[in-house]
Amino acid sequence: MFLRIDRLQIELPKPSQPDPNAAAAVQELLGGRFGEMSTLMNYTYQSFNFRGRDKLRPYYDLIANIATEELGHIELVAATVNLMLTGATKAAPPDAAPLGVGANARNTHHFIVTAQTALVGNSMGQAWSGDYVFNSGNLVLDLLHNFFLECGARLHKIRVYEMTSNPVAREMIGYLLVRGGVHATAYAKALETLTGVEMTKLLPIPKIENAKFPEARKYEERGVHRNLYRFSLEDYKEISKIWRGPSPTGDGDLQVVDGPPPGGVVPTLPPVPEEFAPEFDPGTIFEIARKLQQAAS
């Protein structure tokens, strides 16, 4: 089962203006083949279907624990998309075509389907697919796939970073470059214990250090790249049998942190009456909610 904390894993900056076309590019990092939906669902189903858990507990704990962090990564990318879309249209009667800006946006799905919020899809509006999930049942092969998936995800993050200078997008990408690096290293170390192959020598892929990206560098300076957060009250403690020793970056030791990062506030999205979200006259539905809260108290 899962617990949920109503915070993002980091604080996102407030955008100065909407950026729908950059939001479309960021969608790739949510619902693309190498997006956060894929990392989440790959690791989640591998943990659901894990065989020999009693004798292979460190590996099960690692996959299951990282899967939980990935759920927060989806939330973070979705929040980024939502912030970048906020304010793209203005309230007006339907006959004034208030959603006209959406007709020329890169991803019209954002305006037609989800009321200017994130999609479970990629940068072209194509829905995420369960076919992206790889769960062979063979531990070495699944770990190798996860290593590859994290490296592919890193490549796509860097390319989206290079497509936009939007500060919200770059803050999110900088953080996920660091956390993705942690996951790639964790899977590499797990493979090393099973095969003896020094997988960490392949990293980073592509061969550019996170320190080259200012938004990522500040998280590394805080040691976030050496931390593997344990997203459970009492479980998944055997990740420490894999996540230990000196960091491959040579700047300290790896450590398991009990609990999630401090995080940041989840942005409150304003009503968009022209999208009928949450309704054409938001005041009415807000008043119903206020009376409900008042009655409960």
C-alpha atoms as a PDB file:
ATOM      1  CA  MET A   1       0.000   0.000   0.000  1.00  0.00           C
ATOM      2  CA  PHE A   2       1.021   3.617  -0.334  1.00  0.00           C
ATOM      3  CA  LEU A   3       1.057   6.748   1.787  1.00  0.00           C
ATOM      4  CA  ARG A   4       0.830  10.150   0.115  1.00  0.00           C
ATOM      5  CA  ILE A   5       2.262  13.503   1.189  1.00  0.00           C
ATOM      6  CA  ASP A   6       0.666  16.655  -0.197  1.00  0.00           C
ATOM      7  CA  ARG A   7       3.956  18.255  -1.225  1.00  0.00           C
ATOM      8  CA  LEU A   8       6.120  18.274  -4.335  1.00  0.00           C
ATOM      9  CA  GLN A   9       9.620  16.877  -4.032  1.00  0.00           C
ATOM     10  CA  ILE A  10      11.037  20.384  -4.631  1.00  0.00           C
ATOM     11  CA  GLU A  11       9.758  23.951  -4.688  1.00  0.00           C
ATOM     12  CA  LEU A  12       9.025  25.141  -8.223  1.00  0.00           C
ATOM     13  CA  PRO A  13       9.425  28.807  -9.156  1.00  0.00           C
ATOM     14  CA  LYS A  14       6.340  30.800 -10.070  1.00  0.00           C
ATOM     15  CA  PRO A  15       6.325  31.511 -13.824  1.00  0.00           C
ATOM     16  CA  SER A  16       6.212  35.096 -15.045  1.00  0.00           C
ATOM     17  CA  GLN A  17       4.084  34.208 -18.079  1.00  0.00           C
ATOM     18  CA  PRO A  18       2.457  31.154 -19.702  1.00  0.00           C
ATOM     19  CA  ASP A  19       4.485  29.040 -22.107  1.00  0.00           C
ATOM     20  CA  PRO A  20       2.174  26.491 -23.813  1.00  0.00           C
ATOM     21  CA  ASN A  21       4.621  25.381 -26.480  1.00  0.00           C
ATOM     22  CA  ALA A  22       7.372  24.660 -23.974  1.00  0.00           C
ATOM     23  CA  ALA A  23       4.793  22.828 -21.862  1.00  0.00           C
ATOM     24  CA  ALA A  24       4.164  20.598 -24.877  1.00  0.00           C
ATOM     25  CA  ALA A  25       7.865  19.693 -25.009  1.00  0.00           C
ATOM     26  CA  VAL A  26       7.942  18.969 -21.270  1.00  0.00           C
ATOM     27  CA  GLN A  27       5.099  16.476 -21.772  1.00  0.00           C
ATOM     28  CA  GLU A  28       7.665  14.096 -23.253  1.00  0.00           C
ATOM     29  CA  LEU A  29       9.240  13.819 -19.810  1.00  0.00           C
ATOM     30  CA  LEU A  30       5.919  12.705 -18.381  1.00  0.00           C
ATOM     31  CA  GLY A  31       4.303  10.413 -20.942  1.00  0.00           C
ATOM     32  CA  GLY A  32       7.012   9.630 -23.472  1.00  0.00           C
ATOM     33  CA  ARG A  33       8.634   6.219 -23.827  1.00  0.00           C
ATOM     34  CA  PHE A  34      11.439   7.402 -21.538  1.00  0.00           C
ATOM     35  CA  GLY A  35       9.228   9.626 -19.374  1.00  0.00           C
ATOM     36  CA  GLU A  36       8.400   9.379 -15.691  1.00  0.00           C
ATOM     37  CA  MET A  37       5.265   7.314 -16.378  1.00  0.00           C
ATOM     38  CA  SER A  38       7.531   4.670 -17.877  1.00  0.00           C
ATOM     39  CA  THR A  39      10.027   4.622 -15.026  1.00  0.00           C
ATOM     40  CA  LEU A  40       7.187   4.433 -12.495  1.00  0.00           C
ATOM     41  CA  MET A  41       5.268   1.644 -14.174  1.00  0.00           C
ATOM     42  CA  ASN A  42       8.339  -0.420 -15.104  1.00  0.00           C
ATOM     43  CA  TYR A  43       9.606  -0.481 -11.530  1.00  0.00           C
ATOM     44  CA  THR A  44       6.136  -0.814 -10.017  1.00  0.00           C
ATOM     45  CA  TYR A  45       5.222  -3.906 -12.021  1.00  0.00           C
ATOM     46  CA  GLN A  46       8.661  -5.419 -11.520  1.00  0.00           C
ATOM     47  CA  SER A  47       8.100  -5.028  -7.769  1.00  0.00           C
ATOM     48  CA  PHE A  48       4.557  -6.444  -7.972  1.00  0.00           C
ATOM     49  CA  ASN A  49       5.773  -9.489  -9.897  1.00  0.00           C
ATOM     50  CA  PHE A  50       9.120 -10.034  -8.153  1.00  0.00           C
ATOM     51  CA  ARG A  51       9.976 -13.726  -7.579  1.00  0.00           C
ATOM     52  CA  GLY A  52      12.187 -15.004  -4.757  1.00  0.00           C
ATOM     53  CA  ARG A  53      11.695 -11.864  -2.712  1.00  0.00           C
ATOM     54  CA  ASP A  54      12.557 -13.660   0.537  1.00  0.00           C
ATOM     55  CA  LYS A  55      16.051 -14.554  -0.711  1.00  0.00           C
ATOM     56  CA  LEU A  56      16.647 -11.491  -2.918  1.00  0.00           C
ATOM     57  CA  ARG A  57      15.283  -8.839  -0.591  1.00  0.00           C
ATOM     58  CA  PRO A  58      17.873  -6.068  -1.246  1.00  0.00           C
ATOM     59  CA  TYR A  59      17.035  -6.071  -4.962  1.00  0.00           C
ATOM     60  CA  TYR A  60      13.291  -6.128  -4.371  1.00  0.00           C
ATOM     61  CA  ASP A  61      13.601  -3.300  -1.843  1.00  0.00           C
ATOM     62  CA  LEU A  62      15.638  -1.228  -4.293  1.00  0.00           C
ATOM     63  CA  ILE A  63      13.174  -1.575  -7.189  1.00  0.00           C
ATOM     64  CA  ALA A  64      10.096  -1.062  -5.009  1.00  0.00           C
ATOM     65  CA  ASN A  65      11.535   1.958  -3.217  1.00  0.00           C
ATOM     66  CA  ILE A  66      12.655   3.707  -6.409  1.00  0.00           C
ATOM     67  CA  ALA A  67       9.209   3.050  -7.896  1.00  0.00           C
ATOM     68  CA  THR A  68       7.673   5.040  -5.047  1.00  0.00           C
ATOM     69  CA  GLU A  69       9.960   7.998  -5.687  1.00  0.00           C
ATOM     70  CA  GLU A  70       8.969   7.908  -9.355  1.00  0.00           C
ATOM     71  CA  LEU A  71       5.346   8.502  -8.370  1.00  0.00           C
ATOM     72  CA  GLY A  72       6.490  11.839  -6.959  1.00  0.00           C
ATOM     73  CA  HIS A  73       8.398  12.546 -10.169  1.00  0.00           C
ATOM     74  CA  ILE A  74       5.207  12.234 -12.205  1.00  0.00           C
ATOM     75  CA  GLU A  75       3.587  14.698  -9.825  1.00  0.00           C
ATOM     76  CA  LEU A  76       6.509  17.100 -10.259  1.00  0.00           C
ATOM     77  CA  VAL A  77       6.482  17.014 -14.068  1.00  0.00           C
ATOM     78  CA  ALA A  78       2.678  17.405 -14.135  1.00  0.00           C
ATOM     79  CA  ALA A  79       2.944  20.430 -11.819  1.00  0.00           C
ATOM     80  CA  THR A  80       5.550  21.919 -14.150  1.00  0.00           C
ATOM     81  CA  VAL A  81       3.297  21.516 -17.181  1.00  0.00           C
ATOM     82  CA  ASN A  82       0.361  22.990 -15.267  1.00  0.00           C
ATOM     83  CA  LEU A  83       2.333  26.053 -14.168  1.00  0.00           C
ATOM     84  CA  MET A  84       3.556  26.640 -17.723  1.00  0.00           C
ATOM     85  CA  LEU A  85      -0.017  26.531 -19.060  1.00  0.00           C
ATOM     86  CA  THR A  86      -1.567  28.725 -16.353  1.00  0.00           C
ATOM     87  CA  GLY A  87      -2.774  32.046 -17.728  1.00  0.00           C
ATOM     88  CA  ALA A  88      -2.623  31.017 -21.383  1.00  0.00           C
ATOM     89  CA  THR A  89      -6.253  32.126 -21.935  1.00  0.00           C
ATOM     90  CA  LYS A  90      -8.562  34.753 -20.474  1.00  0.00           C
ATOM     91  CA  ALA A  91     -12.159  34.406 -19.333  1.00  0.00           C
ATOM     92  CA  ALA A  92     -14.723  35.496 -21.936  1.00  0.00           C
ATOM     93  CA  PRO A  93     -18.114  34.345 -23.299  1.00  0.00           C
ATOM     94  CA  PRO A  94     -17.936  31.275 -25.568  1.00  0.00           C
ATOM     95  CA  ASP A  95     -18.838  33.280 -28.691  1.00  0.00           C
ATOM     96  CA  ALA A  96     -15.715  35.402 -28.194  1.00  0.00           C
ATOM     97  CA  ALA A  97     -13.506  32.323 -28.827  1.00  0.00           C
ATOM     98  CA  PRO A  98     -11.579  32.597 -25.533  1.00  0.00           C
ATOM     99  CA  LEU A  99      -9.615  29.435 -26.315  1.00  0.00           C
ATOM    100  CA  GLY A 100      -8.411  30.770 -29.653  1.00  0.00           C
ATOM    101  CA  VAL A 101      -4.783  30.689 -28.547  1.00  0.00           C
ATOM    102  CA  GLY A 102      -5.086  26.919 -28.236  1.00  0.00           C
ATOM    103  CA  ALA A 103      -5.677  26.515 -31.970  1.00  0.00           C
ATOM    104  CA  ASN A 104      -2.086  27.559 -32.649  1.00  0.00           C
ATOM    105  CA  ALA A 105      -0.507  25.842 -29.651  1.00  0.00           C
ATOM    106  CA  ARG A 106       1.911  22.930 -30.156  1.00  0.00           C
ATOM    107  CA  ASN A 107      -0.394  20.559 -28.297  1.00  0.00           C
ATOM    108  CA  THR A 108      -4.079  21.397 -28.703  1.00  0.00           C
ATOM    109  CA  HIS A 109      -4.936  18.466 -26.405  1.00  0.00           C
ATOM    110  CA  HIS A 110      -3.937  20.725 -23.516  1.00  0.00           C
ATOM    111  CA  PHE A 111      -6.786  23.066 -24.417  1.00  0.00           C
ATOM    112  CA  ILE A 112      -9.419  20.594 -25.616  1.00  0.00           C
ATOM    113  CA  VAL A 113      -8.991  17.538 -23.404  1.00  0.00           C
ATOM    114  CA  THR A 114      -7.540  18.503 -20.014  1.00  0.00           C
ATOM    115  CA  ALA A 115      -8.507  22.180 -19.457  1.00  0.00           C
ATOM    116  CA  GLN A 116      -4.915  23.397 -19.752  1.00  0.00           C
ATOM    117  CA  THR A 117      -3.333  20.775 -17.531  1.00  0.00           C
ATOM    118  CA  ALA A 118      -0.991  17.815 -17.941  1.00  0.00           C
ATOM    119  CA  LEU A 119      -1.719  14.825 -20.168  1.00  0.00           C
ATOM    120  CA  VAL A 120      -0.868  11.168 -19.695  1.00  0.00           C
ATOM    121  CA  GLY A 121       0.913  11.462 -22.994  1.00  0.00           C
ATOM    122  CA  ASN A 122       4.021  12.637 -24.821  1.00  0.00           C
ATOM    123  CA  SER A 123       5.049  15.850 -26.569  1.00  0.00           C
ATOM    124  CA  MET A 124       2.963  14.947 -29.629  1.00  0.00           C
ATOM    125  CA  GLY A 125      -0.189  14.249 -27.602  1.00  0.00           C
ATOM    126  CA  GLN A 126       0.146  10.483 -28.052  1.00  0.00           C
ATOM    127  CA  ALA A 127      -1.117   8.597 -24.976  1.00  0.00           C
ATOM    128  CA  TRP A 128       1.346   6.743 -22.781  1.00  0.00           C
ATOM    129  CA  SER A 129       1.290   3.010 -23.464  1.00  0.00           C
ATOM    130  CA  GLY A 130       1.531  -0.020 -21.212  1.00  0.00           C
ATOM    131  CA  ASP A 131       3.668  -1.552 -23.962  1.00  0.00           C
ATOM    132  CA  TYR A 132       6.498   0.584 -22.574  1.00  0.00           C
ATOM    133  CA  VAL A 133       6.629  -1.650 -19.485  1.00  0.00           C
ATOM    134  CA  PHE A 134       9.400  -4.271 -19.481  1.00  0.00           C
ATOM    135  CA  ASN A 135       9.073  -6.991 -16.843  1.00  0.00           C
ATOM    136  CA  SER A 136      10.831 -10.184 -17.961  1.00  0.00           C
ATOM    137  CA  GLY A 137      11.005 -11.858 -14.561  1.00  0.00           C
ATOM    138  CA  ASN A 138      14.772 -12.263 -14.977  1.00  0.00           C
ATOM    139  CA  LEU A 139      16.425 -10.082 -12.320  1.00  0.00           C
ATOM    140  CA  VAL A 140      19.638  -9.243 -14.194  1.00  0.00           C
ATOM    141  CA  LEU A 141      17.763  -8.446 -17.402  1.00  0.00           C
ATOM    142  CA  ASP A 142      15.204  -6.273 -15.593  1.00  0.00           C
ATOM    143  CA  LEU A 143      17.946  -4.351 -13.759  1.00  0.00           C
ATOM    144  CA  LEU A 144      19.848  -3.909 -17.035  1.00  0.00           C
ATOM    145  CA  HIS A 145      16.689  -2.578 -18.653  1.00  0.00           C
ATOM    146  CA  ASN A 146      16.154  -0.170 -15.746  1.00  0.00           C
ATOM    147  CA  PHE A 147      19.718   1.105 -16.113  1.00  0.00           C
ATOM    148  CA  PHE A 148      19.104   1.673 -19.824  1.00  0.00           C
ATOM    149  CA  LEU A 149      15.742   3.344 -19.111  1.00  0.00           C
ATOM    150  CA  GLU A 150      17.316   5.836 -16.711  1.00  0.00           C
ATOM    151  CA  CYS A 151      20.032   6.670 -19.239  1.00  0.00           C
ATOM    152  CA  GLY A 152      17.470   7.177 -22.012  1.00  0.00           C
ATOM    153  CA  ALA A 153      15.408   9.351 -19.694  1.00  0.00           C
ATOM    154  CA  ARG A 154      18.475  11.462 -18.953  1.00  0.00           C
ATOM    155  CA  LEU A 155      19.133  12.021 -22.655  1.00  0.00           C
ATOM    156  CA  HIS A 156      15.568  13.203 -23.209  1.00  0.00           C
ATOM    157  CA  LYS A 157      15.692  15.511 -20.178  1.00  0.00           C
ATOM    158  CA  ILE A 158      18.828  17.151 -21.517  1.00  0.00           C
ATOM    159  CA  ARG A 159      17.293  17.626 -24.953  1.00  0.00           C
ATOM    160  CA  VAL A 160      14.151  19.216 -23.507  1.00  0.00           C
ATOM    161  CA  TYR A 161      16.390  21.428 -21.324  1.00  0.00           C
ATOM    162  CA  GLU A 162      18.095  22.602 -24.517  1.00  0.00           C
ATOM    163  CA  MET A 163      14.713  23.352 -26.124  1.00  0.00           C
ATOM    164  CA  THR A 164      13.523  25.858 -23.522  1.00  0.00           C
ATOM    165  CA  SER A 165      14.942  28.430 -21.147  1.00  0.00           C
ATOM    166  CA  ASN A 166      11.719  28.448 -19.141  1.00  0.00           C
ATOM    167  CA  PRO A 167      12.801  28.639 -15.469  1.00  0.00           C
ATOM    168  CA  VAL A 168      10.061  26.287 -14.235  1.00  0.00           C
ATOM    169  CA  ALA A 169      11.010  23.609 -16.749  1.00  0.00           C
ATOM    170  CA  ARG A 170      14.717  23.974 -16.083  1.00  0.00           C
ATOM    171  CA  GLU A 171      14.307  23.813 -12.298  1.00  0.00           C
ATOM    172  CA  MET A 172      12.346  20.574 -12.592  1.00  0.00           C
ATOM    173  CA  ILE A 173      14.747  19.092 -15.139  1.00  0.00           C
ATOM    174  CA  GLY A 174      17.790  20.039 -13.066  1.00  0.00           C
ATOM    175  CA  TYR A 175      16.415  18.187 -10.061  1.00  0.00           C
ATOM    176  CA  LEU A 176      15.390  15.126 -12.073  1.00  0.00           C
ATOM    177  CA  LEU A 177      18.803  14.939 -13.736  1.00  0.00           C
ATOM    178  CA  VAL A 178      20.262  14.520 -10.264  1.00  0.00           C
ATOM    179  CA  ARG A 179      17.645  12.047  -9.035  1.00  0.00           C
ATOM    180  CA  GLY A 180      17.766  10.066 -12.274  1.00  0.00           C
ATOM    181  CA  GLY A 181      21.523   9.873 -11.811  1.00  0.00           C
ATOM    182  CA  VAL A 182      20.953   8.373  -8.376  1.00  0.00           C
ATOM    183  CA  HIS A 183      18.651   5.723  -9.833  1.00  0.00           C
ATOM    184  CA  ALA A 184      21.010   4.869 -12.689  1.00  0.00           C
ATOM    185  CA  THR A 185      23.849   4.502 -10.192  1.00  0.00           C
ATOM    186  CA  ALA A 186      21.698   2.357  -7.899  1.00  0.00           C
ATOM    187  CA  TYR A 187      20.805  -0.051 -10.692  1.00  0.00           C
ATOM    188  CA  ALA A 188      24.448  -0.104 -11.828  1.00  0.00           C
ATOM    189  CA  LYS A 189      25.600  -1.016  -8.317  1.00  0.00           C
ATOM    190  CA  ALA A 190      22.931  -3.711  -8.070  1.00  0.00           C
ATOM    191  CA  LEU A 191      24.153  -5.210 -11.349  1.00  0.00           C
ATOM    192  CA  GLU A 192      27.751  -5.071 -10.138  1.00  0.00           C
ATOM    193  CA  THR A 193      26.881  -7.165  -7.068  1.00  0.00           C
ATOM    194  CA  LEU A 194      25.283  -9.801  -9.307  1.00  0.00           C
ATOM    195  CA  THR A 195      27.710  -9.853 -12.245  1.00  0.00           C
ATOM    196  CA  GLY A 196      30.953  -8.197 -11.183  1.00  0.00           C
ATOM    197  CA  VAL A 197      30.713  -5.821 -14.149  1.00  0.00           C
ATOM    198  CA  GLU A 198      31.564  -2.229 -13.111  1.00  0.00           C
ATOM    199  CA  MET A 199      28.532  -0.598 -14.683  1.00  0.00           C
ATOM    200  CA  THR A 200      29.108   2.744 -12.955  1.00  0.00           C
ATOM    201  CA  LYS A 201      32.097   3.295 -15.257  1.00  0.00           C
ATOM    202  CA  LEU A 202      29.612   3.818 -18.102  1.00  0.00           C
ATOM    203  CA  LEU A 203      28.031   6.804 -16.375  1.00  0.00           C
ATOM    204  CA  PRO A 204      27.069   9.463 -17.127  1.00  0.00           C
ATOM    205  CA  ILE A 205      25.284   8.762 -20.400  1.00  0.00           C
ATOM    206  CA  PRO A 206      25.466  11.002 -22.410  1.00  0.00           C
ATOM    207  CA  LYS A 207      28.979  11.939 -21.322  1.00  0.00           C
ATOM    208  CA  ILE A 208      28.235  15.339 -19.808  1.00  0.00           C
ATOM    209  CA  GLU A 209      28.297  15.964 -16.060  1.00  0.00           C
ATOM    210  CA  ASN A 210      25.249  17.280 -14.221  1.00  0.00           C
ATOM    211  CA  ALA A 211      27.432  20.132 -12.988  1.00  0.00           C
ATOM    212  CA  LYS A 212      27.218  21.611 -16.492  1.00  0.00           C
ATOM    213  CA  PHE A 213      23.576  22.489 -15.749  1.00  0.00           C
ATOM    214  CA  PRO A 214      23.241  25.257 -13.112  1.00  0.00           C
ATOM    215  CA  GLU A 215      19.875  23.978 -11.876  1.00  0.00           C
ATOM    216  CA  ALA A 216      21.338  20.495 -11.341  1.00  0.00           C
ATOM    217  CA  ARG A 217      24.653  21.729  -9.954  1.00  0.00           C
ATOM    218  CA  LYS A 218      23.031  23.379  -6.930  1.00  0.00           C
ATOM    219  CA  TYR A 219      21.375  20.080  -5.929  1.00  0.00           C
ATOM    220  CA  GLU A 220      24.690  18.247  -6.246  1.00  0.00           C
ATOM    221  CA  GLU A 221      26.324  20.909  -4.090  1.00  0.00           C
ATOM    222  CA  ARG A 222      23.765  19.984  -1.407  1.00  0.00           C
ATOM    223  CA  GLY A 223      24.678  16.298  -1.717  1.00  0.00           C
ATOM    224  CA  VAL A 224      21.328  15.249  -3.206  1.00  0.00           C
ATOM    225  CA  HIS A 225      23.151  13.019  -5.708  1.00  0.00           C
ATOM    226  CA  ARG A 226      24.501  10.870  -2.861  1.00  0.00           C
ATOM    227  CA  ASN A 227      21.125  10.353  -1.155  1.00  0.00           C
ATOM    228  CA  LEU A 228      18.746   7.467  -1.757  1.00  0.00           C
ATOM    229  CA  TYR A 229      15.521   8.391   0.030  1.00  0.00           C
ATOM    230  CA  ARG A 230      13.625   5.564   1.723  1.00  0.00           C
ATOM    231  CA  PHE A 231       9.956   6.174   0.992  1.00  0.00           C
ATOM    232  CA  SER A 232       8.484   4.051   3.778  1.00  0.00           C
ATOM    233  CA  LEU A 233       7.888   4.181   7.516  1.00  0.00           C
ATOM    234  CA  GLU A 234       9.366   0.753   8.265  1.00  0.00           C
ATOM    235  CA  ASP A 235      10.096  -1.115   5.031  1.00  0.00           C
ATOM    236  CA  TYR A 236      12.713  -1.279   2.239  1.00  0.00           C
ATOM    237  CA  LYS A 237      15.597  -1.000   4.697  1.00  0.00           C
ATOM    238  CA  GLU A 238      17.765  -3.464   2.792  1.00  0.00           C
ATOM    239  CA  ILE A 239      18.496  -0.888   0.095  1.00  0.00           C
ATOM    240  CA  SER A 240      21.445   0.008   2.338  1.00  0.00           C
ATOM    241  CA  LYS A 241      23.105  -3.284   1.335  1.00  0.00           C
ATOM    242  CA  ILE A 242      23.380  -1.960  -2.227  1.00  0.00           C
ATOM    243  CA  TRP A 243      23.444   1.830  -1.763  1.00  0.00           C
ATOM    244  CA  ARG A 244      26.651   2.191   0.218  1.00  0.00           C
ATOM    245  CA  GLY A 245      30.329   3.020  -0.161  1.00  0.00           C
ATOM    246  CA  PRO A 246      31.974   6.003  -1.861  1.00  0.00           C
ATOM    247  CA  SER A 247      30.018   7.946  -4.445  1.00  0.00           C
ATOM    248  CA  PRO A 248      31.166   7.401  -8.051  1.00  0.00           C
ATOM    249  CA  THR A 249      31.535  11.202  -8.230  1.00  0.00           C
ATOM    250  CA  GLY A 250      34.308  10.967  -5.618  1.00  0.00           C
ATOM    251  CA  ASP A 251      32.920  13.646  -3.322  1.00  0.00           C
ATOM    252  CA  GLY A 252      31.639  11.654  -0.351  1.00  0.00           C
ATOM    253  CA  ASP A 253      29.848   8.491   0.684  1.00  0.00           C
ATOM    254  CA  LEU A 254      26.462   7.258  -0.472  1.00  0.00           C
ATOM    255  CA  GLN A 255      23.781   7.356   2.202  1.00  0.00           C
ATOM    256  CA  VAL A 256      20.230   6.124   2.687  1.00  0.00           C
ATOM    257  CA  VAL A 257      17.967   8.876   4.021  1.00  0.00           C
ATOM    258  CA  ASP A 258      14.976   7.673   6.025  1.00  0.00           C
ATOM    259  CA  GLY A 259      11.957   9.492   4.652  1.00  0.00           C
ATOM    260  CA  PRO A 260      11.293  11.798   1.694  1.00  0.00           C
ATOM    261  CA  PRO A 261      13.034  15.088   0.875  1.00  0.00           C
ATOM    262  CA  PRO A 262      11.592  18.227   2.553  1.00  0.00           C
ATOM    263  CA  GLY A 263       9.856  19.207  -0.693  1.00  0.00           C
ATOM    264  CA  GLY A 264       7.794  22.233  -1.644  1.00  0.00           C
ATOM    265  CA  VAL A 265       4.226  23.445  -1.864  1.00  0.00           C
ATOM    266  CA  VAL A 266       1.917  21.957  -4.502  1.00  0.00           C
ATOM    267  CA  PRO A 267       0.773  24.920  -6.655  1.00  0.00           C
ATOM    268  CA  THR A 268      -2.913  25.845  -6.433  1.00  0.00           C
ATOM    269  CA  LEU A 269      -4.291  26.140  -9.952  1.00  0.00           C
ATOM    270  CA  PRO A 270      -6.809  28.962 -10.449  1.00  0.00           C
ATOM    271  CA  PRO A 271     -10.242  28.400 -12.020  1.00  0.00           C
ATOM    272  CA  VAL A 272     -10.468  28.604 -15.816  1.00  0.00           C
ATOM    273  CA  PRO A 273     -14.140  29.534 -16.448  1.00  0.00           C
ATOM    274  CA  GLU A 274     -13.652  29.527 -20.226  1.00  0.00           C
ATOM    275  CA  GLU A 275     -12.774  25.800 -19.894  1.00  0.00           C
ATOM    276  CA  PHE A 276     -15.677  25.181 -17.457  1.00  0.00           C
ATOM    277  CA  ALA A 277     -13.048  24.161 -14.904  1.00  0.00           C
ATOM    278  CA  PRO A 278     -14.145  23.641 -12.230  1.00  0.00           C
ATOM    279  CA  GLU A 279     -17.287  25.246 -13.708  1.00  0.00           C
ATOM    280  CA  PHE A 280     -18.403  28.169 -15.895  1.00  0.00           C
ATOM    281  CA  ASP A 281     -19.424  30.024 -12.701  1.00  0.00           C
ATOM    282  CA  PRO A 282     -16.766  28.888 -10.189  1.00  0.00           C
ATOM    283  CA  GLY A 283     -18.315  30.974  -7.420  1.00  0.00           C
ATOM    284  CA  THR A 284     -21.339  28.692  -7.221  1.00  0.00           C
ATOM    285  CA  ILE A 285     -19.370  25.476  -6.784  1.00  0.00           C
ATOM    286  CA  PHE A 286     -16.977  27.176  -4.356  1.00  0.00           C
ATOM    287  CA  GLU A 287     -19.951  28.236  -2.235  1.00  0.00           C
ATOM    288  CA  ILE A 288     -21.223  24.640  -2.133  1.00  0.00           C
ATOM    289  CA  ALA A 289     -17.794  23.477  -0.961  1.00  0.00           C
ATOM    290  CA  ARG A 290     -17.654  26.247   1.659  1.00  0.00           C
ATOM    291  CA  LYS A 291     -21.018  25.188   3.095  1.00  0.00           C
ATOM    292  CA  LEU A 292     -19.886  21.563   3.139  1.00  0.00           C
ATOM    293  CA  GLN A 293     -16.739  22.477   5.077  1.00  0.00           C
ATOM    294  CA  GLN A 294     -18.732  24.687   7.439  1.00  0.00           C
ATOM    295  CA  ALA A 295     -21.221  21.899   8.147  1.00  0.00           C
ATOM    296  CA  ALA A 296     -18.395  19.428   8.832  1.00  0.00           C
ATOM    297  CA  SER A 297     -16.789  21.759  11.367  1.00  0.00           C
END
